Amino acid sequence: MEKLILNWGFLYFPEDKTTYIPAAIEMLLLFLIVFFLFKWLRKNSAKQAAEAQKLEERALKERDKRIEIEKKHL
């Protein structure tokens, strides 16, 4: 246990806590960027899924029409 405590010398906790302010601001900024990026990605993904659904429905309708036309000719 004593060796573990001695190896923690690399940790630095400054007496002047104002040095934490830039890091806190940067972390807050990064969290905001990530939050809005995540919202944008979800919105964009839902939009693309809706477009893909429309394309799939259109392709299936066209396939069904072709099948009906081929059945009439036979």
PDB file of N, CA and C in Angstrom:
ATOM      1  N   MET A   1       0.827  -1.190   0.000  1.00  0.00           N
ATOM      2  CA  MET A   1       0.000   0.000   0.000  1.00  0.00           C
ATOM      3  C   MET A   1       0.874   1.259   0.000  1.00  0.00           C
ATOM      4  N   GLU A   2       1.958   1.182   0.742  1.00  0.00           N
ATOM      5  CA  GLU A   2       2.850   2.331   0.829  1.00  0.00           C
ATOM      6  C   GLU A   2       3.478   2.635  -0.531  1.00  0.00           C
ATOM      7  N   LYS A   3       3.818   1.588  -1.279  1.00  0.00           N
ATOM      8  CA  LYS A   3       4.406   1.782  -2.600  1.00  0.00           C
ATOM      9  C   LYS A   3       3.393   2.430  -3.541  1.00  0.00           C
ATOM     10  N   LEU A   4       2.133   2.048  -3.425  1.00  0.00           N
ATOM     11  CA  LEU A   4       1.084   2.625  -4.255  1.00  0.00           C
ATOM     12  C   LEU A   4       0.946   4.123  -3.990  1.00  0.00           C
ATOM     13  N   ILE A   5       0.993   4.517  -2.748  1.00  0.00           N
ATOM     14  CA  ILE A   5       0.877   5.934  -2.391  1.00  0.00           C
ATOM     15  C   ILE A   5       2.085   6.712  -2.901  1.00  0.00           C
ATOM     16  N   LEU A   6       3.265   6.145  -2.835  1.00  0.00           N
ATOM     17  CA  LEU A   6       4.469   6.829  -3.304  1.00  0.00           C
ATOM     18  C   LEU A   6       4.464   7.007  -4.817  1.00  0.00           C
ATOM     19  N   ASN A   7       3.852   6.112  -5.553  1.00  0.00           N
ATOM     20  CA  ASN A   7       3.831   6.199  -7.009  1.00  0.00           C
ATOM     21  C   ASN A   7       2.832   7.236  -7.522  1.00  0.00           C
ATOM     22  N   TRP A   8       2.095   7.856  -6.655  1.00  0.00           N
ATOM     23  CA  TRP A   8       1.120   8.850  -7.096  1.00  0.00           C
ATOM     24  C   TRP A   8       1.733  10.247  -7.171  1.00  0.00           C
ATOM     25  N   GLY A   9       3.048  10.307  -7.233  1.00  0.00           N
ATOM     26  CA  GLY A   9       3.727  11.593  -7.294  1.00  0.00           C
ATOM     27  C   GLY A   9       3.477  12.345  -8.588  1.00  0.00           C
ATOM     28  N   PHE A  10       3.063  11.664  -9.629  1.00  0.00           N
ATOM     29  CA  PHE A  10       2.822  12.325 -10.908  1.00  0.00           C
ATOM     30  C   PHE A  10       1.533  13.143 -10.898  1.00  0.00           C
ATOM     31  N   LEU A  11       0.654  12.896  -9.927  1.00  0.00           N
ATOM     32  CA  LEU A  11      -0.579  13.676  -9.843  1.00  0.00           C
ATOM     33  C   LEU A  11      -0.262  15.059  -9.306  1.00  0.00           C
ATOM     34  N   TYR A  12      -0.849  16.056  -9.930  1.00  0.00           N
ATOM     35  CA  TYR A  12      -0.578  17.430  -9.532  1.00  0.00           C
ATOM     36  C   TYR A  12      -1.905  18.144  -9.307  1.00  0.00           C
ATOM     37  N   PHE A  13      -2.117  18.603  -8.103  1.00  0.00           N
ATOM     38  CA  PHE A  13      -3.315  19.360  -7.766  1.00  0.00           C
ATOM     39  C   PHE A  13      -2.863  20.750  -7.333  1.00  0.00           C
ATOM     40  N   PRO A  14      -2.995  21.730  -8.218  1.00  0.00           N
ATOM     41  CA  PRO A  14      -2.482  23.068  -7.888  1.00  0.00           C
ATOM     42  C   PRO A  14      -3.294  23.735  -6.782  1.00  0.00           C
ATOM     43  N   GLU A  15      -2.606  24.590  -6.061  1.00  0.00           N
ATOM     44  CA  GLU A  15      -3.281  25.348  -5.003  1.00  0.00           C
ATOM     45  C   GLU A  15      -4.247  26.365  -5.618  1.00  0.00           C
ATOM     46  N   ASP A  16      -3.833  26.951  -6.733  1.00  0.00           N
ATOM     47  CA  ASP A  16      -4.670  27.934  -7.422  1.00  0.00           C
ATOM     48  C   ASP A  16      -5.625  27.188  -8.355  1.00  0.00           C
ATOM     49  N   LYS A  17      -6.863  27.082  -7.955  1.00  0.00           N
ATOM     50  CA  LYS A  17      -7.840  26.288  -8.712  1.00  0.00           C
ATOM     51  C   LYS A  17      -8.322  26.990  -9.981  1.00  0.00           C
ATOM     52  N   THR A  18      -7.884  28.229 -10.227  1.00  0.00           N
ATOM     53  CA  THR A  18      -8.293  28.920 -11.452  1.00  0.00           C
ATOM     54  C   THR A  18      -7.691  28.265 -12.687  1.00  0.00           C
ATOM     55  N   THR A  19      -6.685  27.438 -12.509  1.00  0.00           N
ATOM     56  CA  THR A  19      -6.112  26.730 -13.658  1.00  0.00           C
ATOM     57  C   THR A  19      -7.076  25.679 -14.192  1.00  0.00           C
ATOM     58  N   TYR A  20      -8.093  25.334 -13.412  1.00  0.00           N
ATOM     59  CA  TYR A  20      -9.087  24.367 -13.877  1.00  0.00           C
ATOM     60  C   TYR A  20     -10.129  25.010 -14.794  1.00  0.00           C
ATOM     61  N   ILE A  21     -10.260  26.323 -14.741  1.00  0.00           N
ATOM     62  CA  ILE A  21     -11.312  27.005 -15.497  1.00  0.00           C
ATOM     63  C   ILE A  21     -11.187  26.777 -17.007  1.00  0.00           C
ATOM     64  N   PRO A  22     -10.021  26.956 -17.630  1.00  0.00           N
ATOM     65  CA  PRO A  22      -9.936  26.705 -19.074  1.00  0.00           C
ATOM     66  C   PRO A  22     -10.276  25.255 -19.444  1.00  0.00           C
ATOM     67  N   ALA A  23      -9.854  24.321 -18.622  1.00  0.00           N
ATOM     68  CA  ALA A  23     -10.165  22.916 -18.899  1.00  0.00           C
ATOM     69  C   ALA A  23     -11.661  22.660 -18.777  1.00  0.00           C
ATOM     70  N   ALA A  24     -12.301  23.268 -17.795  1.00  0.00           N
ATOM     71  CA  ALA A  24     -13.748  23.096 -17.625  1.00  0.00           C
ATOM     72  C   ALA A  24     -14.502  23.718 -18.791  1.00  0.00           C
ATOM     73  N   ILE A  25     -14.058  24.890 -19.240  1.00  0.00           N
ATOM     74  CA  ILE A  25     -14.702  25.537 -20.389  1.00  0.00           C
ATOM     75  C   ILE A  25     -14.538  24.685 -21.637  1.00  0.00           C
ATOM     76  N   GLU A  26     -13.336  24.173 -21.846  1.00  0.00           N
ATOM     77  CA  GLU A  26     -13.088  23.332 -23.017  1.00  0.00           C
ATOM     78  C   GLU A  26     -13.932  22.061 -22.969  1.00  0.00           C
ATOM     79  N   MET A  27     -14.034  21.438 -21.810  1.00  0.00           N
ATOM     80  CA  MET A  27     -14.831  20.220 -21.687  1.00  0.00           C
ATOM     81  C   MET A  27     -16.310  20.516 -21.947  1.00  0.00           C
ATOM     82  N   LEU A  28     -16.803  21.625 -21.416  1.00  0.00           N
ATOM     83  CA  LEU A  28     -18.194  22.016 -21.651  1.00  0.00           C
ATOM     84  C   LEU A  28     -18.429  22.259 -23.139  1.00  0.00           C
ATOM     85  N   LEU A  29     -17.509  22.947 -23.773  1.00  0.00           N
ATOM     86  CA  LEU A  29     -17.619  23.212 -25.202  1.00  0.00           C
ATOM     87  C   LEU A  29     -17.627  21.914 -26.004  1.00  0.00           C
ATOM     88  N   LEU A  30     -16.744  21.000 -25.661  1.00  0.00           N
ATOM     89  CA  LEU A  30     -16.699  19.723 -26.372  1.00  0.00           C
ATOM     90  C   LEU A  30     -17.970  18.911 -26.158  1.00  0.00           C
ATOM     91  N   PHE A  31     -18.505  18.920 -24.937  1.00  0.00           N
ATOM     92  CA  PHE A  31     -19.766  18.217 -24.682  1.00  0.00           C
ATOM     93  C   PHE A  31     -20.898  18.810 -25.514  1.00  0.00           C
ATOM     94  N   LEU A  32     -20.936  20.141 -25.618  1.00  0.00           N
ATOM     95  CA  LEU A  32     -21.972  20.780 -26.428  1.00  0.00           C
ATOM     96  C   LEU A  32     -21.835  20.413 -27.901  1.00  0.00           C
ATOM     97  N   ILE A  33     -20.606  20.421 -28.398  1.00  0.00           N
ATOM     98  CA  ILE A  33     -20.378  20.050 -29.795  1.00  0.00           C
ATOM     99  C   ILE A  33     -20.816  18.616 -30.042  1.00  0.00           C
ATOM    100  N   VAL A  34     -20.434  17.717 -29.162  1.00  0.00           N
ATOM    101  CA  VAL A  34     -20.805  16.307 -29.315  1.00  0.00           C
ATOM    102  C   VAL A  34     -22.317  16.136 -29.237  1.00  0.00           C
ATOM    103  N   PHE A  35     -22.963  16.845 -28.315  1.00  0.00           N
ATOM    104  CA  PHE A  35     -24.416  16.742 -28.163  1.00  0.00           C
ATOM    105  C   PHE A  35     -25.127  17.170 -29.442  1.00  0.00           C
ATOM    106  N   PHE A  36     -24.754  18.331 -29.986  1.00  0.00           N
ATOM    107  CA  PHE A  36     -25.417  18.812 -31.195  1.00  0.00           C
ATOM    108  C   PHE A  36     -25.051  17.976 -32.416  1.00  0.00           C
ATOM    109  N   LEU A  37     -23.843  17.468 -32.463  1.00  0.00           N
ATOM    110  CA  LEU A  37     -23.464  16.579 -33.551  1.00  0.00           C
ATOM    111  C   LEU A  37     -24.287  15.295 -33.508  1.00  0.00           C
ATOM    112  N   PHE A  38     -24.482  14.755 -32.322  1.00  0.00           N
ATOM    113  CA  PHE A  38     -25.285  13.546 -32.163  1.00  0.00           C
ATOM    114  C   PHE A  38     -26.727  13.796 -32.590  1.00  0.00           C
ATOM    115  N   LYS A  39     -27.302  14.947 -32.180  1.00  0.00           N
ATOM    116  CA  LYS A  39     -28.666  15.283 -32.590  1.00  0.00           C
ATOM    117  C   LYS A  39     -28.756  15.407 -34.110  1.00  0.00           C
ATOM    118  N   TRP A  40     -27.774  16.067 -34.727  1.00  0.00           N
ATOM    119  CA  TRP A  40     -27.769  16.244 -36.175  1.00  0.00           C
ATOM    120  C   TRP A  40     -27.655  14.898 -36.887  1.00  0.00           C
ATOM    121  N   LEU A  41     -26.795  14.022 -36.379  1.00  0.00           N
ATOM    122  CA  LEU A  41     -26.643  12.707 -36.997  1.00  0.00           C
ATOM    123  C   LEU A  41     -27.928  11.898 -36.914  1.00  0.00           C
ATOM    124  N   ARG A  42     -28.608  11.936 -35.783  1.00  0.00           N
ATOM    125  CA  ARG A  42     -29.875  11.206 -35.645  1.00  0.00           C
ATOM    126  C   ARG A  42     -30.930  11.763 -36.590  1.00  0.00           C
ATOM    127  N   LYS A  43     -31.001  13.089 -36.683  1.00  0.00           N
ATOM    128  CA  LYS A  43     -31.979  13.726 -37.573  1.00  0.00           C
ATOM    129  C   LYS A  43     -31.673  13.372 -39.025  1.00  0.00           C
ATOM    130  N   ASN A  44     -30.420  13.473 -39.395  1.00  0.00           N
ATOM    131  CA  ASN A  44     -30.005  13.163 -40.759  1.00  0.00           C
ATOM    132  C   ASN A  44     -30.240  11.689 -41.075  1.00  0.00           C
ATOM    133  N   SER A  45     -29.972  10.824 -40.139  1.00  0.00           N
ATOM    134  CA  SER A  45     -30.174   9.392 -40.331  1.00  0.00           C
ATOM    135  C   SER A  45     -31.650   9.072 -40.518  1.00  0.00           C
ATOM    136  N   ALA A  46     -32.512   9.694 -39.728  1.00  0.00           N
ATOM    137  CA  ALA A  46     -33.953   9.466 -39.868  1.00  0.00           C
ATOM    138  C   ALA A  46     -34.442   9.957 -41.224  1.00  0.00           C
ATOM    139  N   LYS A  47     -33.922  11.079 -41.671  1.00  0.00           N
ATOM    140  CA  LYS A  47     -34.292  11.620 -42.981  1.00  0.00           C
ATOM    141  C   LYS A  47     -33.864  10.664 -44.093  1.00  0.00           C
ATOM    142  N   GLN A  48     -32.653  10.150 -44.013  1.00  0.00           N
ATOM    143  CA  GLN A  48     -32.168   9.208 -45.019  1.00  0.00           C
ATOM    144  C   GLN A  48     -32.950   7.906 -44.985  1.00  0.00           C
ATOM    145  N   ALA A  49     -33.349   7.461 -43.805  1.00  0.00           N
ATOM    146  CA  ALA A  49     -34.142   6.235 -43.699  1.00  0.00           C
ATOM    147  C   ALA A  49     -35.506   6.424 -44.350  1.00  0.00           C
ATOM    148  N   ALA A  50     -36.105   7.588 -44.169  1.00  0.00           N
ATOM    149  CA  ALA A  50     -37.400   7.863 -44.797  1.00  0.00           C
ATOM    150  C   ALA A  50     -37.268   7.896 -46.315  1.00  0.00           C
ATOM    151  N   GLU A  51     -36.209   8.508 -46.816  1.00  0.00           N
ATOM    152  CA  GLU A  51     -35.979   8.540 -48.260  1.00  0.00           C
ATOM    153  C   GLU A  51     -35.745   7.130 -48.801  1.00  0.00           C
ATOM    154  N   ALA A  52     -35.000   6.327 -48.081  1.00  0.00           N
ATOM    155  CA  ALA A  52     -34.748   4.949 -48.511  1.00  0.00           C
ATOM    156  C   ALA A  52     -36.042   4.147 -48.525  1.00  0.00           C
ATOM    157  N   GLN A  53     -36.909   4.387 -47.551  1.00  0.00           N
ATOM    158  CA  GLN A  53     -38.203   3.696 -47.501  1.00  0.00           C
ATOM    159  C   GLN A  53     -39.042   4.066 -48.720  1.00  0.00           C
ATOM    160  N   LYS A  54     -39.057   5.345 -49.093  1.00  0.00           N
ATOM    161  CA  LYS A  54     -39.805   5.779 -50.278  1.00  0.00           C
ATOM    162  C   LYS A  54     -39.252   5.120 -51.537  1.00  0.00           C
ATOM    163  N   LEU A  55     -37.935   5.089 -51.661  1.00  0.00           N
ATOM    164  CA  LEU A  55     -37.321   4.456 -52.832  1.00  0.00           C
ATOM    165  C   LEU A  55     -37.647   2.971 -52.892  1.00  0.00           C
ATOM    166  N   GLU A  56     -37.633   2.319 -51.744  1.00  0.00           N
ATOM    167  CA  GLU A  56     -37.945   0.894 -51.702  1.00  0.00           C
ATOM    168  C   GLU A  56     -39.393   0.652 -52.118  1.00  0.00           C
ATOM    169  N   GLU A  57     -40.311   1.469 -51.617  1.00  0.00           N
ATOM    170  CA  GLU A  57     -41.715   1.319 -51.989  1.00  0.00           C
ATOM    171  C   GLU A  57     -41.907   1.541 -53.482  1.00  0.00           C
ATOM    172  N   ARG A  58     -41.241   2.554 -54.025  1.00  0.00           N
ATOM    173  CA  ARG A  58     -41.348   2.828 -55.461  1.00  0.00           C
ATOM    174  C   ARG A  58     -40.796   1.666 -56.284  1.00  0.00           C
ATOM    175  N   ALA A  59     -39.672   1.128 -55.866  1.00  0.00           N
ATOM    176  CA  ALA A  59     -39.077   0.003 -56.591  1.00  0.00           C
ATOM    177  C   ALA A  59     -39.984  -1.219 -56.539  1.00  0.00           C
ATOM    178  N   LEU A  60     -40.602  -1.474 -55.391  1.00  0.00           N
ATOM    179  CA  LEU A  60     -41.507  -2.621 -55.278  1.00  0.00           C
ATOM    180  C   LEU A  60     -42.750  -2.435 -56.144  1.00  0.00           C
ATOM    181  N   LYS A  61     -43.285  -1.211 -56.215  1.00  0.00           N
ATOM    182  CA  LYS A  61     -44.444  -0.950 -57.072  1.00  0.00           C
ATOM    183  C   LYS A  61     -44.092  -1.167 -58.536  1.00  0.00           C
ATOM    184  N   GLU A  62     -42.929  -0.676 -58.950  1.00  0.00           N
ATOM    185  CA  GLU A  62     -42.497  -0.860 -60.337  1.00  0.00           C
ATOM    186  C   GLU A  62     -42.296  -2.337 -60.647  1.00  0.00           C
ATOM    187  N   ARG A  63     -41.752  -3.081 -59.701  1.00  0.00           N
ATOM    188  CA  ARG A  63     -41.570  -4.519 -59.903  1.00  0.00           C
ATOM    189  C   ARG A  63     -42.917  -5.215 -60.046  1.00  0.00           C
ATOM    190  N   ASP A  64     -43.865  -4.850 -59.190  1.00  0.00           N
ATOM    191  CA  ASP A  64     -45.196  -5.456 -59.267  1.00  0.00           C
ATOM    192  C   ASP A  64     -45.869  -5.132 -60.597  1.00  0.00           C
ATOM    193  N   LYS A  65     -45.711  -3.908 -61.092  1.00  0.00           N
ATOM    194  CA  LYS A  65     -46.284  -3.539 -62.394  1.00  0.00           C
ATOM    195  C   LYS A  65     -45.662  -4.371 -63.511  1.00  0.00           C
ATOM    196  N   ARG A  66     -44.341  -4.538 -63.474  1.00  0.00           N
ATOM    197  CA  ARG A  66     -43.676  -5.347 -64.503  1.00  0.00           C
ATOM    198  C   ARG A  66     -44.152  -6.787 -64.464  1.00  0.00           C
ATOM    199  N   ILE A  67     -44.331  -7.323 -63.270  1.00  0.00           N
ATOM    200  CA  ILE A  67     -44.802  -8.707 -63.134  1.00  0.00           C
ATOM    201  C   ILE A  67     -46.204  -8.837 -63.702  1.00  0.00           C
ATOM    202  N   GLU A  68     -47.086  -7.861 -63.441  1.00  0.00           N
ATOM    203  CA  GLU A  68     -48.447  -7.900 -63.975  1.00  0.00           C
ATOM    204  C   GLU A  68     -48.441  -7.819 -65.494  1.00  0.00           C
ATOM    205  N   ILE A  69     -47.603  -6.954 -66.047  1.00  0.00           N
ATOM    206  CA  ILE A  69     -47.519  -6.822 -67.507  1.00  0.00           C
ATOM    207  C   ILE A  69     -47.023  -8.123 -68.123  1.00  0.00           C
ATOM    208  N   GLU A  70     -46.034  -8.745 -67.523  1.00  0.00           N
ATOM    209  CA  GLU A  70     -45.510 -10.010 -68.045  1.00  0.00           C
ATOM    210  C   GLU A  70     -46.556 -11.112 -67.968  1.00  0.00           C
ATOM    211  N   LYS A  71     -47.371 -11.117 -66.918  1.00  0.00           N
ATOM    212  CA  LYS A  71     -48.426 -12.127 -66.791  1.00  0.00           C
ATOM    213  C   LYS A  71     -49.486 -11.935 -67.868  1.00  0.00           C
ATOM    214  N   LYS A  72     -49.808 -10.684 -68.213  1.00  0.00           N
ATOM    215  CA  LYS A  72     -50.806 -10.412 -69.247  1.00  0.00           C
ATOM    216  C   LYS A  72     -50.323 -10.878 -70.612  1.00  0.00           C
ATOM    217  N   HIS A  73     -49.031 -10.755 -70.869  1.00  0.00           N
ATOM    218  CA  HIS A  73     -48.484 -11.152 -72.171  1.00  0.00           C
ATOM    219  C   HIS A  73     -48.359 -12.661 -72.302  1.00  0.00           C
ATOM    220  N   LEU A  74     -48.381 -13.371 -71.217  1.00  0.00           N
ATOM    221  CA  LEU A  74     -48.242 -14.828 -71.282  1.00  0.00           C
ATOM    222  C   LEU A  74     -49.540 -15.502 -71.343  1.00  0.00           C
TER     223      LEU A  74
END
